[in-house]
Amino acid sequence: MSNRRPGGDSLLHDAQTLEFYDKNARSYVAARSAGVSPDLMAFLLRLKAGASILELGCGDGHDASEMERLGFSVEPTDGSAAMAAIASDRLGREVQVLRFEELDATRRYDAVVACASLLHVPAEGLPAVLKRIWEALKPGGWHFASFKTAGQASYDEHGRYYNYLDRTGAEVAYCSAGQWDAMHFETYEGTGFFNAPAIWLTVEAQKPGF
């Protein structure tokens, strides 16, 4: 692991991490588990039928495909052009290339889902990204995110940056981004890229209904 400072033109994304996904998209997809994570499936039970979902970091589009099969209206996006192209092939439509700092929607979505994507945001930029997510949610909308935890912010052996958010850091980041009616946190042992062991933190947060 390396502790060098995240690079790139913005504190809201890390250029080297995006480069990894652009260069290794197909091998990453091949190594990915075929199933949808149980924590995401449990979160979806909070949503009404047909709810509109913005997905940040859709990867190969697998989760978007399953959410659509369940009847949700999904707008998948990814910061990597190579990953977005693979998702486009899977879903049969163009998937938008969208970096976190490019999100500028206001009260548009019933939910914003970010499975294993916000964990790559430089720690000091995370509150600003979460503020954009808060703004994008309709009143009463829900947000779901999963982070690797139990570590110090650093780059892994593949050159990807991780903020390794812990629960305390998550509470601070989310509360600084906006007011939430509810926040739920869970940690569990799982795996990451190439089935490497990992400890995960999930966050579920609801915007006030106003």
Protein backbone atom coordinates (compact mmCIF):
# COMPACT_ATOMS: atom_id res chain seq x y z
CA MET A 1 0.00 0.00 0.00
CA SER A 2 1.12 3.55 -0.75
CA ASN A 3 0.24 6.64 1.26
CA ARG A 4 0.94 9.17 -1.49
CA ARG A 5 -1.62 11.94 -1.89
CA PRO A 6 -4.47 11.38 -4.39
CA GLY A 7 -3.83 12.95 -7.76
CA GLY A 8 -5.97 14.37 -10.52
CA ASP A 9 -7.56 17.69 -11.39
CA SER A 10 -10.15 17.50 -8.63
CA LEU A 11 -10.42 16.48 -4.99
CA LEU A 12 -13.71 14.80 -5.93
CA HIS A 13 -12.12 12.00 -7.96
CA ASP A 14 -8.72 10.33 -8.21
CA ALA A 15 -7.22 10.29 -11.71
CA GLN A 16 -4.99 7.28 -11.12
CA THR A 17 -7.92 5.19 -9.91
CA LEU A 18 -9.96 6.07 -12.99
CA GLU A 19 -6.96 5.12 -15.13
CA PHE A 20 -6.90 1.67 -13.50
CA TYR A 21 -10.54 1.03 -14.42
CA ASP A 22 -10.08 2.36 -17.95
CA LYS A 23 -7.09 0.10 -18.55
CA ASN A 24 -8.37 -2.98 -16.73
CA ALA A 25 -12.12 -2.85 -17.25
CA ARG A 26 -12.55 -6.27 -18.83
CA SER A 27 -10.28 -8.12 -16.40
CA TYR A 28 -12.00 -6.38 -13.50
CA VAL A 29 -15.42 -7.45 -14.79
CA ALA A 30 -14.19 -11.02 -15.26
CA ALA A 31 -13.06 -11.13 -11.62
CA ARG A 32 -16.31 -9.67 -10.28
CA SER A 33 -18.82 -11.76 -8.37
CA ALA A 34 -21.85 -12.54 -10.52
CA GLY A 35 -24.40 -11.82 -7.80
CA VAL A 36 -25.94 -8.61 -6.48
CA SER A 37 -24.76 -7.87 -2.95
CA PRO A 38 -27.30 -8.78 -0.24
CA ASP A 39 -26.90 -5.35 1.35
CA LEU A 40 -28.02 -3.64 -1.86
CA MET A 41 -30.96 -6.02 -2.20
CA ALA A 42 -32.01 -5.26 1.38
CA PHE A 43 -31.78 -1.52 0.70
CA LEU A 44 -34.04 -1.79 -2.35
CA LEU A 45 -36.85 -2.99 -0.08
CA ARG A 46 -37.04 0.58 1.24
CA LEU A 47 -38.05 1.92 -2.16
CA LYS A 48 -41.48 2.11 -3.76
CA ALA A 49 -42.24 0.18 -6.92
CA GLY A 50 -40.96 2.00 -9.98
CA ALA A 51 -38.72 4.34 -7.97
CA SER A 52 -36.16 6.36 -9.94
CA ILE A 53 -32.57 5.39 -9.06
CA LEU A 54 -29.34 7.13 -10.01
CA GLU A 55 -26.43 4.69 -9.87
CA LEU A 56 -22.96 6.18 -9.40
CA GLY A 57 -20.19 3.77 -10.42
CA CYS A 58 -22.32 1.18 -12.20
CA GLY A 59 -19.34 -0.88 -13.36
CA ASP A 60 -20.42 -3.49 -15.87
CA GLY A 61 -24.11 -2.70 -15.39
CA HIS A 62 -24.92 -5.91 -13.53
CA ASP A 63 -26.62 -4.21 -10.59
CA ALA A 64 -28.49 -1.82 -12.89
CA SER A 65 -29.78 -4.76 -14.89
CA GLU A 66 -31.08 -6.47 -11.75
CA MET A 67 -32.66 -3.29 -10.39
CA GLU A 68 -34.45 -2.79 -13.70
CA ARG A 69 -35.63 -6.40 -13.63
CA LEU A 70 -37.18 -5.60 -10.25
CA GLY A 71 -39.13 -2.76 -11.83
CA PHE A 72 -37.06 0.29 -10.87
CA SER A 73 -36.24 3.12 -13.28
CA VAL A 74 -32.43 3.19 -13.27
CA GLU A 75 -30.01 5.78 -14.61
CA PRO A 76 -26.60 4.05 -14.53
CA THR A 77 -23.40 6.10 -14.72
CA ASP A 78 -19.69 5.48 -14.29
CA GLY A 79 -16.61 7.70 -14.14
CA SER A 80 -14.64 5.30 -16.34
CA ALA A 81 -15.40 5.44 -20.05
CA ALA A 82 -14.28 1.83 -20.49
CA MET A 83 -16.60 0.59 -17.75
CA ALA A 84 -19.48 2.66 -19.10
CA ALA A 85 -18.96 1.07 -22.53
CA ILE A 86 -19.20 -2.43 -21.05
CA ALA A 87 -22.34 -1.47 -19.15
CA SER A 88 -23.79 -0.01 -22.34
CA ASP A 89 -23.31 -3.35 -24.09
CA ARG A 90 -24.99 -5.21 -21.23
CA LEU A 91 -27.95 -2.86 -20.93
CA GLY A 92 -28.45 -2.20 -24.62
CA ARG A 93 -28.33 1.59 -24.30
CA GLU A 94 -25.74 4.28 -23.78
CA VAL A 95 -24.49 4.62 -20.21
CA GLN A 96 -23.34 8.10 -19.28
CA VAL A 97 -19.74 8.76 -18.28
CA LEU A 98 -20.15 10.86 -15.15
CA ARG A 99 -17.57 11.87 -12.58
CA PHE A 100 -18.81 12.72 -9.12
CA GLU A 101 -18.13 16.45 -9.49
CA GLU A 102 -20.29 16.49 -12.64
CA LEU A 103 -23.45 15.52 -10.78
CA ASP A 104 -25.64 18.62 -10.75
CA ALA A 105 -29.20 17.28 -10.45
CA THR A 106 -31.69 18.83 -8.04
CA ARG A 107 -34.52 16.84 -6.42
CA ARG A 108 -34.60 14.40 -9.34
CA TYR A 109 -34.22 10.88 -7.91
CA ASP A 110 -36.00 8.70 -5.37
CA ALA A 111 -32.66 7.04 -4.59
CA VAL A 112 -28.96 7.37 -5.30
CA VAL A 113 -26.98 4.13 -5.15
CA ALA A 114 -23.18 4.04 -4.96
CA CYS A 115 -21.92 0.49 -4.49
CA ALA A 116 -18.15 0.44 -3.92
CA SER A 117 -17.62 3.73 -5.77
CA LEU A 118 -17.54 6.56 -3.22
CA LEU A 119 -14.76 4.64 -1.47
CA HIS A 120 -12.42 6.00 -4.18
CA VAL A 121 -13.24 9.67 -3.46
CA PRO A 122 -10.32 11.51 -1.78
CA ALA A 123 -11.33 11.81 1.88
CA GLU A 124 -11.23 15.60 1.94
CA GLY A 125 -13.54 15.79 -1.07
CA LEU A 126 -16.16 13.31 0.13
CA PRO A 127 -18.46 15.83 1.90
CA ALA A 128 -18.73 17.85 -1.33
CA VAL A 129 -19.72 14.73 -3.29
CA LEU A 130 -22.27 13.78 -0.63
CA LYS A 131 -23.73 17.29 -0.83
CA ARG A 132 -24.30 16.77 -4.56
CA ILE A 133 -26.00 13.45 -3.81
CA TRP A 134 -28.19 15.12 -1.16
CA GLU A 135 -29.20 17.80 -3.67
CA ALA A 136 -30.01 15.16 -6.32
CA LEU A 137 -32.47 13.33 -4.05
CA LYS A 138 -36.13 14.15 -3.96
CA PRO A 139 -37.53 14.99 -0.51
CA GLY A 140 -37.80 11.70 1.36
CA GLY A 141 -35.34 10.05 -1.04
CA TRP A 142 -32.83 7.40 0.05
CA HIS A 143 -29.10 7.00 -0.51
CA PHE A 144 -27.07 3.79 -0.29
CA ALA A 145 -23.27 3.46 -0.35
CA SER A 146 -20.70 0.82 0.52
CA PHE A 147 -17.12 1.51 1.59
CA LYS A 148 -14.12 -0.59 2.47
CA THR A 149 -13.24 0.21 6.08
CA ALA A 150 -10.75 -0.71 8.82
CA GLY A 151 -7.74 0.90 7.17
CA GLN A 152 -5.90 4.15 6.50
CA ALA A 153 -6.50 6.16 3.33
CA SER A 154 -4.01 4.83 0.77
CA TYR A 155 -3.46 3.23 -2.64
CA ASP A 156 -3.66 -0.54 -3.04
CA GLU A 157 -1.30 -2.76 -5.00
CA HIS A 158 -3.33 -2.11 -8.16
CA GLY A 159 -2.90 1.66 -7.89
CA ARG A 160 -6.43 2.41 -6.70
CA TYR A 161 -7.07 4.99 -3.99
CA TYR A 162 -9.32 4.10 -1.02
CA ASN A 163 -10.50 6.51 1.65
CA TYR A 164 -11.21 3.62 4.10
CA LEU A 165 -14.07 5.49 5.72
CA ASP A 166 -14.99 4.38 9.23
CA ARG A 167 -18.33 4.93 10.95
CA THR A 168 -17.22 8.08 12.76
CA GLY A 169 -15.83 9.54 9.54
CA ALA A 170 -19.01 8.58 7.72
CA GLU A 171 -21.21 10.35 10.27
CA VAL A 172 -19.09 13.50 10.03
CA ALA A 173 -19.02 13.47 6.20
CA TYR A 174 -22.74 12.80 5.81
CA CYS A 175 -23.84 15.32 8.44
CA SER A 176 -21.67 18.01 6.86
CA ALA A 177 -23.31 17.36 3.48
CA GLY A 178 -26.91 18.00 4.51
CA GLN A 179 -29.69 17.13 6.91
CA TRP A 180 -30.84 13.50 7.03
CA ASP A 181 -33.95 12.12 8.68
CA ALA A 182 -32.29 8.74 9.20
CA MET A 183 -28.85 7.15 8.86
CA HIS A 184 -28.05 3.46 9.26
CA PHE A 185 -24.60 1.87 9.32
CA GLU A 186 -23.51 -1.75 9.17
CA THR A 187 -20.12 -3.47 8.91
CA TYR A 188 -19.42 -6.97 7.69
CA GLU A 189 -16.59 -9.15 6.44
CA GLY A 190 -16.50 -9.77 2.71
CA THR A 191 -14.21 -9.73 -0.28
CA GLY A 192 -12.95 -7.27 -2.87
CA PHE A 193 -11.08 -7.45 -6.17
CA PHE A 194 -9.83 -11.00 -6.96
CA ASN A 195 -11.66 -12.19 -3.81
CA ALA A 196 -9.22 -10.42 -1.47
CA PRO A 197 -10.62 -10.28 2.10
CA ALA A 198 -12.15 -6.93 3.02
CA ILE A 199 -14.25 -5.35 5.75
CA TRP A 200 -17.16 -3.31 4.43
CA LEU A 201 -19.18 -0.43 5.83
CA THR A 202 -22.62 0.25 4.37
CA VAL A 203 -24.53 3.51 4.76
CA GLU A 204 -28.25 4.09 4.25
CA ALA A 205 -29.44 7.68 4.63
CA GLN A 206 -32.81 9.33 4.03
CA LYS A 207 -33.30 12.96 3.05
CA PRO A 208 -36.08 14.75 4.98
CA GLY A 209 -39.50 14.81 3.33
CA PHE A 210 -39.90 18.55 3.98
